[in-house]
């Protein structure tokens, strides 16, 4: 029994990731006013294919917001349409 399933990330669209990040930030009292942008990027050596830019983050919320985003980035890969993923 290997641990191959541990490295698997759930596939999600940009809209689904945006919703998950928004809901996660809203659940934390310090992060409710954080604004963010999510965009797809080229796949990195670490496997990520999307990134997030945080805006309007209060200093006391920075670490919490960063941790929330890191957890979501560890769990989700961007689900690209077939025509785009075959071109990459």
PDB file of N, CA and C in Angstrom:
ATOM      1  N   UNK A   1       0.830  -1.184   0.000  1.00  0.00           N
ATOM      2  CA  UNK A   1       0.000   0.000   0.000  1.00  0.00           C
ATOM      3  C   UNK A   1       0.873   1.245   0.000  1.00  0.00           C
ATOM      4  N   UNK A   2       0.855   1.951  -1.102  1.00  0.00           N
ATOM      5  CA  UNK A   2       1.629   3.176  -1.188  1.00  0.00           C
ATOM      6  C   UNK A   2       0.830   4.370  -0.702  1.00  0.00           C
ATOM      7  N   UNK A   3       1.492   5.488  -0.641  1.00  0.00           N
ATOM      8  CA  UNK A   3       0.832   6.718  -0.232  1.00  0.00           C
ATOM      9  C   UNK A   3       0.617   7.647  -1.422  1.00  0.00           C
ATOM     10  N   UNK A   4       0.419   7.085  -2.606  1.00  0.00           N
ATOM     11  CA  UNK A   4       0.247   7.887  -3.824  1.00  0.00           C
ATOM     12  C   UNK A   4      -0.951   8.825  -3.711  1.00  0.00           C
ATOM     13  N   UNK A   5      -1.980   8.430  -3.019  1.00  0.00           N
ATOM     14  CA  UNK A   5      -3.181   9.266  -2.907  1.00  0.00           C
ATOM     15  C   UNK A   5      -2.911  10.555  -2.146  1.00  0.00           C
ATOM     16  N   UNK A   6      -1.876  10.594  -1.325  1.00  0.00           N
ATOM     17  CA  UNK A   6      -1.568  11.774  -0.525  1.00  0.00           C
ATOM     18  C   UNK A   6      -1.180  12.948  -1.422  1.00  0.00           C
ATOM     19  N   UNK A   7      -0.513  12.660  -2.555  1.00  0.00           N
ATOM     20  CA  UNK A   7      -0.048  13.714  -3.451  1.00  0.00           C
ATOM     21  C   UNK A   7      -1.118  14.188  -4.422  1.00  0.00           C
ATOM     22  N   UNK A   8      -2.246  13.543  -4.470  1.00  0.00           N
ATOM     23  CA  UNK A   8      -3.312  13.900  -5.403  1.00  0.00           C
ATOM     24  C   UNK A   8      -4.027  15.161  -4.924  1.00  0.00           C
ATOM     25  N   UNK A   9      -4.217  16.081  -5.858  1.00  0.00           N
ATOM     26  CA  UNK A   9      -4.984  17.285  -5.564  1.00  0.00           C
ATOM     27  C   UNK A   9      -6.321  17.195  -6.273  1.00  0.00           C
ATOM     28  N   UNK A  10      -7.320  17.769  -5.672  1.00  0.00           N
ATOM     29  CA  UNK A  10      -8.628  17.819  -6.299  1.00  0.00           C
ATOM     30  C   UNK A  10      -8.587  18.845  -7.428  1.00  0.00           C
ATOM     31  N   UNK A  11      -9.242  18.552  -8.535  1.00  0.00           N
ATOM     32  CA  UNK A  11      -9.299  19.471  -9.671  1.00  0.00           C
ATOM     33  C   UNK A  11     -10.479  20.423  -9.460  1.00  0.00           C
ATOM     34  N   UNK A  12     -10.267  21.709  -9.758  1.00  0.00           N
ATOM     35  CA  UNK A  12     -11.314  22.717  -9.606  1.00  0.00           C
ATOM     36  C   UNK A  12     -11.095  23.810 -10.641  1.00  0.00           C
ATOM     37  N   UNK A  13     -12.169  24.447 -11.069  1.00  0.00           N
ATOM     38  CA  UNK A  13     -12.069  25.563 -12.002  1.00  0.00           C
ATOM     39  C   UNK A  13     -11.663  26.821 -11.233  1.00  0.00           C
ATOM     40  N   UNK A  14     -11.269  27.860 -11.966  1.00  0.00           N
ATOM     41  CA  UNK A  14     -10.931  29.125 -11.309  1.00  0.00           C
ATOM     42  C   UNK A  14     -12.102  29.642 -10.484  1.00  0.00           C
ATOM     43  N   UNK A  15     -13.308  29.528 -11.008  1.00  0.00           N
ATOM     44  CA  UNK A  15     -14.484  29.996 -10.262  1.00  0.00           C
ATOM     45  C   UNK A  15     -14.682  29.194  -8.974  1.00  0.00           C
ATOM     46  N   UNK A  16     -14.498  27.876  -9.044  1.00  0.00           N
ATOM     47  CA  UNK A  16     -14.644  27.052  -7.843  1.00  0.00           C
ATOM     48  C   UNK A  16     -13.577  27.403  -6.808  1.00  0.00           C
ATOM     49  N   UNK A  17     -12.352  27.620  -7.257  1.00  0.00           N
ATOM     50  CA  UNK A  17     -11.276  28.000  -6.336  1.00  0.00           C
ATOM     51  C   UNK A  17     -11.572  29.368  -5.730  1.00  0.00           C
ATOM     52  N   UNK A  18     -12.038  30.303  -6.541  1.00  0.00           N
ATOM     53  CA  UNK A  18     -12.381  31.648  -6.060  1.00  0.00           C
ATOM     54  C   UNK A  18     -13.453  31.569  -4.970  1.00  0.00           C
ATOM     55  N   UNK A  19     -14.444  30.730  -5.171  1.00  0.00           N
ATOM     56  CA  UNK A  19     -15.511  30.560  -4.177  1.00  0.00           C
ATOM     57  C   UNK A  19     -14.957  29.952  -2.894  1.00  0.00           C
ATOM     58  N   UNK A  20     -14.125  28.920  -3.013  1.00  0.00           N
ATOM     59  CA  UNK A  20     -13.559  28.276  -1.824  1.00  0.00           C
ATOM     60  C   UNK A  20     -12.688  29.236  -1.019  1.00  0.00           C
ATOM     61  N   UNK A  21     -11.842  30.010  -1.726  1.00  0.00           N
ATOM     62  CA  UNK A  21     -10.990  30.977  -1.041  1.00  0.00           C
ATOM     63  C   UNK A  21     -11.851  32.044  -0.359  1.00  0.00           C
ATOM     64  N   UNK A  22     -12.843  32.562  -1.075  1.00  0.00           N
ATOM     65  CA  UNK A  22     -13.725  33.578  -0.508  1.00  0.00           C
ATOM     66  C   UNK A  22     -14.438  33.096   0.740  1.00  0.00           C
ATOM     67  N   UNK A  23     -14.964  31.896   0.687  1.00  0.00           N
ATOM     68  CA  UNK A  23     -15.673  31.347   1.856  1.00  0.00           C
ATOM     69  C   UNK A  23     -14.719  31.114   3.021  1.00  0.00           C
ATOM     70  N   UNK A  24     -13.526  30.602   2.720  1.00  0.00           N
ATOM     71  CA  UNK A  24     -12.557  30.343   3.791  1.00  0.00           C
ATOM     72  C   UNK A  24     -12.128  31.647   4.462  1.00  0.00           C
ATOM     73  N   UNK A  25     -11.893  32.682   3.683  1.00  0.00           N
ATOM     74  CA  UNK A  25     -11.504  33.969   4.262  1.00  0.00           C
ATOM     75  C   UNK A  25     -12.648  34.574   5.072  1.00  0.00           C
ATOM     76  N   UNK A  26     -13.875  34.419   4.617  1.00  0.00           N
ATOM     77  CA  UNK A  26     -15.032  34.965   5.330  1.00  0.00           C
ATOM     78  C   UNK A  26     -15.243  34.291   6.685  1.00  0.00           C
ATOM     79  N   UNK A  27     -14.818  33.042   6.818  1.00  0.00           N
ATOM     80  CA  UNK A  27     -14.997  32.320   8.087  1.00  0.00           C
ATOM     81  C   UNK A  27     -14.050  32.810   9.174  1.00  0.00           C
ATOM     82  N   UNK A  28     -12.951  33.465   8.783  1.00  0.00           N
ATOM     83  CA  UNK A  28     -11.989  33.943   9.787  1.00  0.00           C
ATOM     84  C   UNK A  28     -12.279  35.412  10.084  1.00  0.00           C
ATOM     85  N   UNK A  29     -12.508  35.776  11.335  1.00  0.00           N
ATOM     86  CA  UNK A  29     -12.893  37.155  11.673  1.00  0.00           C
ATOM     87  C   UNK A  29     -11.907  38.229  11.200  1.00  0.00           C
ATOM     88  N   UNK A  30     -10.624  37.940  11.196  1.00  0.00           N
ATOM     89  CA  UNK A  30      -9.646  38.942  10.766  1.00  0.00           C
ATOM     90  C   UNK A  30      -9.548  39.064   9.243  1.00  0.00           C
ATOM     91  N   UNK A  31     -10.036  38.070   8.519  1.00  0.00           N
ATOM     92  CA  UNK A  31      -9.831  38.021   7.070  1.00  0.00           C
ATOM     93  C   UNK A  31     -11.071  38.395   6.260  1.00  0.00           C
ATOM     94  N   UNK A  32     -12.104  38.839   6.909  1.00  0.00           N
ATOM     95  CA  UNK A  32     -13.370  39.080   6.208  1.00  0.00           C
ATOM     96  C   UNK A  32     -13.306  40.210   5.190  1.00  0.00           C
ATOM     97  N   UNK A  33     -12.385  41.147   5.342  1.00  0.00           N
ATOM     98  CA  UNK A  33     -12.291  42.267   4.402  1.00  0.00           C
ATOM     99  C   UNK A  33     -11.159  42.102   3.391  1.00  0.00           C
ATOM    100  N   UNK A  34     -10.523  40.944   3.377  1.00  0.00           N
ATOM    101  CA  UNK A  34      -9.428  40.708   2.439  1.00  0.00           C
ATOM    102  C   UNK A  34      -9.989  40.586   1.029  1.00  0.00           C
ATOM    103  N   UNK A  35      -9.377  41.307   0.107  1.00  0.00           N
ATOM    104  CA  UNK A  35      -9.730  41.200  -1.304  1.00  0.00           C
ATOM    105  C   UNK A  35      -8.627  40.403  -1.991  1.00  0.00           C
ATOM    106  N   UNK A  36      -8.975  39.656  -3.035  1.00  0.00           N
ATOM    107  CA  UNK A  36      -7.988  38.805  -3.683  1.00  0.00           C
ATOM    108  C   UNK A  36      -8.314  38.607  -5.157  1.00  0.00           C
ATOM    109  N   UNK A  37      -7.293  38.250  -5.915  1.00  0.00           N
ATOM    110  CA  UNK A  37      -7.421  37.861  -7.314  1.00  0.00           C
ATOM    111  C   UNK A  37      -6.779  36.494  -7.467  1.00  0.00           C
ATOM    112  N   UNK A  38      -7.387  35.653  -8.292  1.00  0.00           N
ATOM    113  CA  UNK A  38      -6.835  34.335  -8.578  1.00  0.00           C
ATOM    114  C   UNK A  38      -6.603  34.254 -10.073  1.00  0.00           C
ATOM    115  N   UNK A  39      -5.441  33.710 -10.462  1.00  0.00           N
ATOM    116  CA  UNK A  39      -5.156  33.576 -11.885  1.00  0.00           C
ATOM    117  C   UNK A  39      -4.410  32.277 -12.151  1.00  0.00           C
ATOM    118  N   UNK A  40      -4.579  31.777 -13.348  1.00  0.00           N
ATOM    119  CA  UNK A  40      -3.833  30.580 -13.739  1.00  0.00           C
ATOM    120  C   UNK A  40      -2.436  31.002 -14.158  1.00  0.00           C
ATOM    121  N   UNK A  41      -1.485  30.130 -13.921  1.00  0.00           N
ATOM    122  CA  UNK A  41      -0.088  30.351 -14.293  1.00  0.00           C
ATOM    123  C   UNK A  41       0.460  29.046 -14.863  1.00  0.00           C
ATOM    124  N   UNK A  42       1.629  29.117 -15.476  1.00  0.00           N
ATOM    125  CA  UNK A  42       2.271  27.904 -15.979  1.00  0.00           C
ATOM    126  C   UNK A  42       2.599  26.988 -14.805  1.00  0.00           C
ATOM    127  N   UNK A  43       2.514  25.703 -15.029  1.00  0.00           N
ATOM    128  CA  UNK A  43       2.803  24.733 -13.971  1.00  0.00           C
ATOM    129  C   UNK A  43       4.251  24.882 -13.524  1.00  0.00           C
ATOM    130  N   UNK A  44       4.448  24.851 -12.215  1.00  0.00           N
ATOM    131  CA  UNK A  44       5.788  24.989 -11.645  1.00  0.00           C
ATOM    132  C   UNK A  44       6.350  23.619 -11.296  1.00  0.00           C
ATOM    133  N   UNK A  45       7.614  23.596 -10.910  1.00  0.00           N
ATOM    134  CA  UNK A  45       8.240  22.340 -10.504  1.00  0.00           C
ATOM    135  C   UNK A  45       7.544  21.741  -9.283  1.00  0.00           C
ATOM    136  N   UNK A  46       6.956  22.611  -8.451  1.00  0.00           N
ATOM    137  CA  UNK A  46       6.229  22.139  -7.262  1.00  0.00           C
ATOM    138  C   UNK A  46       4.818  21.699  -7.601  1.00  0.00           C
ATOM    139  N   UNK A  47       4.390  21.899  -8.845  1.00  0.00           N
ATOM    140  CA  UNK A  47       3.107  21.373  -9.278  1.00  0.00           C
ATOM    141  C   UNK A  47       1.970  22.372  -9.344  1.00  0.00           C
ATOM    142  N   UNK A  48       2.135  23.564  -8.792  1.00  0.00           N
ATOM    143  CA  UNK A  48       1.041  24.528  -8.799  1.00  0.00           C
ATOM    144  C   UNK A  48       0.762  25.073 -10.194  1.00  0.00           C
ATOM    145  N   UNK A  49      -0.491  25.363 -10.467  1.00  0.00           N
ATOM    146  CA  UNK A  49      -0.828  25.968 -11.747  1.00  0.00           C
ATOM    147  C   UNK A  49      -1.815  27.128 -11.589  1.00  0.00           C
ATOM    148  N   UNK A  50      -1.893  27.669 -10.387  1.00  0.00           N
ATOM    149  CA  UNK A  50      -2.674  28.877 -10.150  1.00  0.00           C
ATOM    150  C   UNK A  50      -2.051  29.603  -8.962  1.00  0.00           C
ATOM    151  N   UNK A  51      -2.293  30.899  -8.910  1.00  0.00           N
ATOM    152  CA  UNK A  51      -1.751  31.697  -7.815  1.00  0.00           C
ATOM    153  C   UNK A  51      -2.797  32.703  -7.364  1.00  0.00           C
ATOM    154  N   UNK A  52      -2.546  33.282  -6.232  1.00  0.00           N
ATOM    155  CA  UNK A  52      -3.479  34.250  -5.669  1.00  0.00           C
ATOM    156  C   UNK A  52      -2.716  35.497  -5.250  1.00  0.00           C
ATOM    157  N   UNK A  53      -3.355  36.630  -5.428  1.00  0.00           N
ATOM    158  CA  UNK A  53      -2.795  37.910  -4.998  1.00  0.00           C
ATOM    159  C   UNK A  53      -3.755  38.499  -3.973  1.00  0.00           C
ATOM    160  N   UNK A  54      -3.248  38.733  -2.767  1.00  0.00           N
ATOM    161  CA  UNK A  54      -4.069  39.291  -1.695  1.00  0.00           C
ATOM    162  C   UNK A  54      -3.968  40.807  -1.698  1.00  0.00           C
ATOM    163  N   UNK A  55      -5.095  41.488  -1.521  1.00  0.00           N
ATOM    164  CA  UNK A  55      -5.155  42.947  -1.476  1.00  0.00           C
ATOM    165  C   UNK A  55      -5.884  43.375  -0.207  1.00  0.00           C
ATOM    166  N   UNK A  56      -5.627  44.575   0.235  1.00  0.00           N
ATOM    167  CA  UNK A  56      -6.349  45.158   1.367  1.00  0.00           C
ATOM    168  C   UNK A  56      -6.314  44.264   2.603  1.00  0.00           C
ATOM    169  N   UNK A  57      -5.152  43.719   2.897  1.00  0.00           N
ATOM    170  CA  UNK A  57      -5.009  42.837   4.053  1.00  0.00           C
ATOM    171  C   UNK A  57      -4.536  43.664   5.241  1.00  0.00           C
ATOM    172  N   UNK A  58      -5.301  43.630   6.314  1.00  0.00           N
ATOM    173  CA  UNK A  58      -4.884  44.290   7.544  1.00  0.00           C
ATOM    174  C   UNK A  58      -3.639  43.577   8.068  1.00  0.00           C
ATOM    175  N   UNK A  59      -2.696  44.302   8.660  1.00  0.00           N
ATOM    176  CA  UNK A  59      -1.460  43.663   9.141  1.00  0.00           C
ATOM    177  C   UNK A  59      -1.704  42.479  10.080  1.00  0.00           C
ATOM    178  N   UNK A  60      -2.689  42.576  10.960  1.00  0.00           N
ATOM    179  CA  UNK A  60      -2.940  41.474  11.893  1.00  0.00           C
ATOM    180  C   UNK A  60      -3.590  40.259  11.221  1.00  0.00           C
ATOM    181  N   UNK A  61      -4.046  40.412   9.975  1.00  0.00           N
ATOM    182  CA  UNK A  61      -4.689  39.306   9.262  1.00  0.00           C
ATOM    183  C   UNK A  61      -3.759  38.647   8.244  1.00  0.00           C
ATOM    184  N   UNK A  62      -2.584  39.199   8.038  1.00  0.00           N
ATOM    185  CA  UNK A  62      -1.707  38.717   6.975  1.00  0.00           C
ATOM    186  C   UNK A  62      -1.342  37.245   7.125  1.00  0.00           C
ATOM    187  N   UNK A  63      -0.911  36.832   8.312  1.00  0.00           N
ATOM    188  CA  UNK A  63      -0.506  35.438   8.500  1.00  0.00           C
ATOM    189  C   UNK A  63      -1.685  34.491   8.356  1.00  0.00           C
ATOM    190  N   UNK A  64      -2.818  34.850   8.904  1.00  0.00           N
ATOM    191  CA  UNK A  64      -3.989  33.983   8.807  1.00  0.00           C
ATOM    192  C   UNK A  64      -4.437  33.826   7.358  1.00  0.00           C
ATOM    193  N   UNK A  65      -4.493  34.940   6.629  1.00  0.00           N
ATOM    194  CA  UNK A  65      -4.902  34.888   5.221  1.00  0.00           C
ATOM    195  C   UNK A  65      -3.917  34.062   4.405  1.00  0.00           C
ATOM    196  N   UNK A  66      -2.633  34.230   4.658  1.00  0.00           N
ATOM    197  CA  UNK A  66      -1.614  33.456   3.945  1.00  0.00           C
ATOM    198  C   UNK A  66      -1.737  31.969   4.237  1.00  0.00           C
ATOM    199  N   UNK A  67      -2.001  31.616   5.477  1.00  0.00           N
ATOM    200  CA  UNK A  67      -2.176  30.213   5.841  1.00  0.00           C
ATOM    201  C   UNK A  67      -3.410  29.607   5.173  1.00  0.00           C
ATOM    202  N   UNK A  68      -4.492  30.358   5.141  1.00  0.00           N
ATOM    203  CA  UNK A  68      -5.722  29.884   4.504  1.00  0.00           C
ATOM    204  C   UNK A  68      -5.461  29.606   3.030  1.00  0.00           C
ATOM    205  N   UNK A  69      -4.814  30.549   2.356  1.00  0.00           N
ATOM    206  CA  UNK A  69      -4.525  30.400   0.931  1.00  0.00           C
ATOM    207  C   UNK A  69      -3.578  29.218   0.698  1.00  0.00           C
ATOM    208  N   UNK A  70      -2.557  29.076   1.527  1.00  0.00           N
ATOM    209  CA  UNK A  70      -1.608  27.972   1.368  1.00  0.00           C
ATOM    210  C   UNK A  70      -2.305  26.621   1.497  1.00  0.00           C
ATOM    211  N   UNK A  71      -3.223  26.502   2.431  1.00  0.00           N
ATOM    212  CA  UNK A  71      -3.963  25.249   2.602  1.00  0.00           C
ATOM    213  C   UNK A  71      -4.789  24.929   1.361  1.00  0.00           C
ATOM    214  N   UNK A  72      -5.421  25.930   0.780  1.00  0.00           N
ATOM    215  CA  UNK A  72      -6.245  25.709  -0.407  1.00  0.00           C
ATOM    216  C   UNK A  72      -5.351  25.394  -1.607  1.00  0.00           C
ATOM    217  N   UNK A  73      -4.209  26.076  -1.728  1.00  0.00           N
ATOM    218  CA  UNK A  73      -3.291  25.780  -2.826  1.00  0.00           C
ATOM    219  C   UNK A  73      -2.754  24.356  -2.722  1.00  0.00           C
ATOM    220  N   UNK A  74      -2.579  23.858  -1.527  1.00  0.00           N
ATOM    221  CA  UNK A  74      -2.089  22.488  -1.340  1.00  0.00           C
ATOM    222  C   UNK A  74      -3.145  21.455  -1.712  1.00  0.00           C
ATOM    223  N   UNK A  75      -4.406  21.852  -1.723  1.00  0.00           N
ATOM    224  CA  UNK A  75      -5.490  20.904  -1.946  1.00  0.00           C
ATOM    225  C   UNK A  75      -6.040  20.890  -3.369  1.00  0.00           C
ATOM    226  N   UNK A  76      -5.845  21.964  -4.152  1.00  0.00           N
ATOM    227  CA  UNK A  76      -6.517  22.077  -5.445  1.00  0.00           C
ATOM    228  C   UNK A  76      -5.554  22.377  -6.582  1.00  0.00           C
ATOM    229  N   UNK A  77      -5.769  21.709  -7.705  1.00  0.00           N
ATOM    230  CA  UNK A  77      -5.132  21.994  -8.978  1.00  0.00           C
ATOM    231  C   UNK A  77      -6.186  22.596  -9.888  1.00  0.00           C
ATOM    232  N   UNK A  78      -5.766  23.473 -10.754  1.00  0.00           N
ATOM    233  CA  UNK A  78      -6.693  24.107 -11.675  1.00  0.00           C
ATOM    234  C   UNK A  78      -7.117  23.105 -12.733  1.00  0.00           C
ATOM    235  N   UNK A  79      -8.407  22.959 -12.921  1.00  0.00           N
ATOM    236  CA  UNK A  79      -8.971  22.077 -13.938  1.00  0.00           C
ATOM    237  C   UNK A  79      -9.122  22.898 -15.206  1.00  0.00           C
ATOM    238  N   UNK A  80      -8.261  22.629 -16.180  1.00  0.00           N
ATOM    239  CA  UNK A  80      -8.272  23.389 -17.428  1.00  0.00           C
ATOM    240  C   UNK A  80      -9.097  22.646 -18.474  1.00  0.00           C
ATOM    241  N   UNK A  81      -9.758  23.382 -19.364  1.00  0.00           N
ATOM    242  CA  UNK A  81     -10.474  22.726 -20.463  1.00  0.00           C
ATOM    243  C   UNK A  81      -9.513  21.876 -21.298  1.00  0.00           C
ATOM    244  N   UNK A  82     -10.009  20.816 -21.903  1.00  0.00           N
ATOM    245  CA  UNK A  82      -9.176  19.862 -22.652  1.00  0.00           C
ATOM    246  C   UNK A  82      -8.357  20.549 -23.744  1.00  0.00           C
ATOM    247  N   UNK A  83      -8.959  21.499 -24.455  1.00  0.00           N
ATOM    248  CA  UNK A  83      -8.240  22.144 -25.553  1.00  0.00           C
ATOM    249  C   UNK A  83      -7.061  22.976 -25.043  1.00  0.00           C
ATOM    250  N   UNK A  84      -7.159  23.508 -23.822  1.00  0.00           N
ATOM    251  CA  UNK A  84      -6.042  24.275 -23.268  1.00  0.00           C
ATOM    252  C   UNK A  84      -4.979  23.367 -22.674  1.00  0.00           C
ATOM    253  N   UNK A  85      -5.389  22.297 -22.008  1.00  0.00           N
ATOM    254  CA  UNK A  85      -4.415  21.417 -21.366  1.00  0.00           C
ATOM    255  C   UNK A  85      -3.615  20.625 -22.402  1.00  0.00           C
ATOM    256  N   UNK A  86      -4.180  20.326 -23.561  1.00  0.00           N
ATOM    257  CA  UNK A  86      -3.436  19.608 -24.582  1.00  0.00           C
ATOM    258  C   UNK A  86      -2.424  20.502 -25.275  1.00  0.00           C
ATOM    259  N   UNK A  87      -2.657  21.826 -25.261  1.00  0.00           N
ATOM    260  CA  UNK A  87      -1.739  22.770 -25.869  1.00  0.00           C
ATOM    261  C   UNK A  87      -0.562  23.058 -24.964  1.00  0.00           C
ATOM    262  N   UNK A  88      -0.711  22.807 -23.668  1.00  0.00           N
ATOM    263  CA  UNK A  88       0.353  23.133 -22.705  1.00  0.00           C
ATOM    264  C   UNK A  88       1.457  22.122 -22.704  1.00  0.00           C
TER     265      UNK A  88
END
